[in-house]
Amino acid sequence: MKIREEYTCPLELTHDITKGKWKPIILWQLRLGNTSLANLEKNIQGINQKMLIEQLKELLEFRIIGKKTFDGYPLKVEYYLTDRGKKVLEAITIMQNIGIELMKENGLENVLRIKGIID
């Protein structure tokens, strides 16, 4: 993603970096710790590898996540949250909690139970 010449405010830039269907979900998965591309693809229902790689590339570009490559064969790569990513995760956690609250208010507790989000 290319940074534009003009922004209304800093929030607009942050929104550009984190917007989309997948980036918040990727960051939510990374809250659990370092993980591989294959694990991310397995744990994020509905994403394909091409889209995942594209989203990871953009998050890497702005240092929201980091990537560690290990020597050896087969090649092993892990993705992790950077300090900046952990700050973004705080906002995503608030959004998650609001989503839980709204789902409860709208009778969707069963979905939350099935997903293991509530007891």
Protein backbone atom coordinates (compact mmCIF):
# COMPACT_ATOMS: atom_id res chain seq x y z
CA MET A 1 0.00 0.00 0.00
CA LYS A 2 1.25 3.43 -0.87
CA ILE A 3 0.94 6.31 1.59
CA ARG A 4 -1.00 9.16 0.02
CA GLU A 5 0.24 12.73 -0.17
CA GLU A 6 -2.61 14.11 1.98
CA TYR A 7 -4.63 12.85 4.92
CA THR A 8 -7.44 14.50 6.83
CA CYS A 9 -5.93 13.23 10.08
CA PRO A 10 -3.57 10.49 11.37
CA LEU A 11 -6.54 8.19 12.01
CA GLU A 12 -7.18 8.11 8.27
CA LEU A 13 -3.68 6.75 7.66
CA THR A 14 -4.08 4.10 10.37
CA HIS A 15 -7.42 3.13 8.87
CA ASP A 16 -5.85 2.76 5.43
CA ILE A 17 -3.18 0.46 6.84
CA THR A 18 -5.59 -1.78 8.80
CA LYS A 19 -8.76 -1.66 6.70
CA GLY A 20 -10.30 -4.62 5.00
CA LYS A 21 -11.88 -7.89 5.93
CA TRP A 22 -8.73 -9.83 6.70
CA LYS A 23 -6.15 -7.62 8.41
CA PRO A 24 -7.95 -7.35 11.77
CA ILE A 25 -8.58 -11.11 11.70
CA ILE A 26 -4.91 -11.81 10.94
CA LEU A 27 -3.87 -9.59 13.84
CA TRP A 28 -6.43 -11.29 16.09
CA GLN A 29 -4.88 -14.67 15.25
CA LEU A 30 -1.36 -13.37 15.89
CA ARG A 31 -2.38 -12.37 19.43
CA LEU A 32 -1.97 -16.08 20.22
CA GLY A 33 1.75 -15.94 19.39
CA ASN A 34 4.17 -16.48 16.54
CA THR A 35 2.79 -18.65 13.77
CA SER A 36 3.41 -19.85 10.24
CA LEU A 37 1.66 -18.97 7.00
CA ALA A 38 0.12 -22.44 6.91
CA ASN A 39 -1.32 -22.06 10.42
CA LEU A 40 -2.76 -18.66 9.62
CA GLU A 41 -4.37 -20.04 6.47
CA LYS A 42 -5.79 -22.99 8.42
CA ASN A 43 -7.14 -20.86 11.27
CA ILE A 44 -8.69 -18.07 9.19
CA GLN A 45 -11.78 -19.51 7.60
CA GLY A 46 -12.42 -18.31 4.05
CA ILE A 47 -9.06 -16.73 3.25
CA ASN A 48 -6.95 -18.09 0.41
CA GLN A 49 -3.16 -18.16 0.39
CA LYS A 50 -2.80 -15.42 -2.24
CA MET A 51 -4.96 -13.00 -0.23
CA LEU A 52 -3.22 -13.93 3.02
CA ILE A 53 0.22 -13.28 1.54
CA GLU A 54 -0.94 -9.92 0.13
CA GLN A 55 -2.36 -8.83 3.50
CA LEU A 56 0.73 -9.99 5.40
CA LYS A 57 2.93 -8.05 2.98
CA GLU A 58 1.02 -4.82 3.68
CA LEU A 59 1.12 -5.38 7.46
CA LEU A 60 4.87 -6.07 7.22
CA GLU A 61 5.40 -2.91 5.17
CA PHE A 62 4.12 -0.73 8.02
CA ARG A 63 5.76 -2.81 10.75
CA ILE A 64 2.44 -3.90 12.26
CA ILE A 65 3.77 -7.46 12.11
CA GLY A 66 7.23 -8.95 11.78
CA LYS A 67 8.56 -11.99 9.97
CA LYS A 68 11.28 -14.31 11.17
CA THR A 69 12.93 -16.75 8.76
CA PHE A 70 14.75 -19.79 10.11
CA ASP A 71 17.65 -21.50 8.35
CA GLY A 72 17.29 -25.05 7.13
CA TYR A 73 15.11 -27.17 4.96
CA PRO A 74 12.21 -27.00 4.68
CA LEU A 75 12.21 -23.21 4.99
CA LYS A 76 10.42 -22.10 8.15
CA VAL A 77 8.88 -18.64 8.50
CA GLU A 78 6.97 -17.24 11.45
CA TYR A 79 4.89 -14.07 11.68
CA TYR A 80 4.47 -12.12 14.90
CA LEU A 81 3.02 -8.89 16.26
CA THR A 82 5.45 -6.00 16.61
CA ASP A 83 5.10 -3.42 19.37
CA ARG A 84 3.09 -1.30 16.94
CA GLY A 85 0.95 -4.32 16.12
CA LYS A 86 0.27 -4.90 19.82
CA LYS A 87 -1.04 -1.34 20.06
CA VAL A 88 -3.33 -1.94 17.08
CA LEU A 89 -4.45 -5.18 18.74
CA GLU A 90 -5.67 -3.18 21.74
CA ALA A 91 -8.12 -1.37 19.44
CA ILE A 92 -9.15 -4.64 17.78
CA THR A 93 -9.81 -6.17 21.21
CA ILE A 94 -12.19 -3.31 21.99
CA MET A 95 -13.92 -3.90 18.64
CA GLN A 96 -14.16 -7.65 19.42
CA ASN A 97 -15.80 -6.91 22.77
CA ILE A 98 -18.32 -4.57 21.13
CA GLY A 99 -19.10 -7.30 18.58
CA ILE A 100 -19.69 -9.82 21.39
CA GLU A 101 -21.99 -7.37 23.13
CA LEU A 102 -23.97 -6.72 19.94
CA MET A 103 -24.27 -10.43 19.16
CA LYS A 104 -25.62 -11.10 22.66
CA GLU A 105 -28.13 -8.27 22.29
CA ASN A 106 -29.32 -9.78 19.00
CA GLY A 107 -29.78 -13.34 20.24
CA LEU A 108 -26.61 -14.79 18.72
CA GLU A 109 -25.21 -16.33 21.90
CA ASN A 110 -25.23 -19.80 20.28
CA VAL A 111 -22.76 -18.62 17.63
CA LEU A 112 -20.50 -17.30 20.38
CA ARG A 113 -20.78 -20.60 22.28
CA ILE A 114 -20.05 -22.71 19.17
CA LYS A 115 -16.95 -20.61 18.50
CA GLY A 116 -15.87 -21.00 22.14
CA ILE A 117 -15.99 -17.27 22.77
CA ILE A 118 -18.42 -17.53 25.70
CA ASP A 119 -19.46 -20.41 27.97
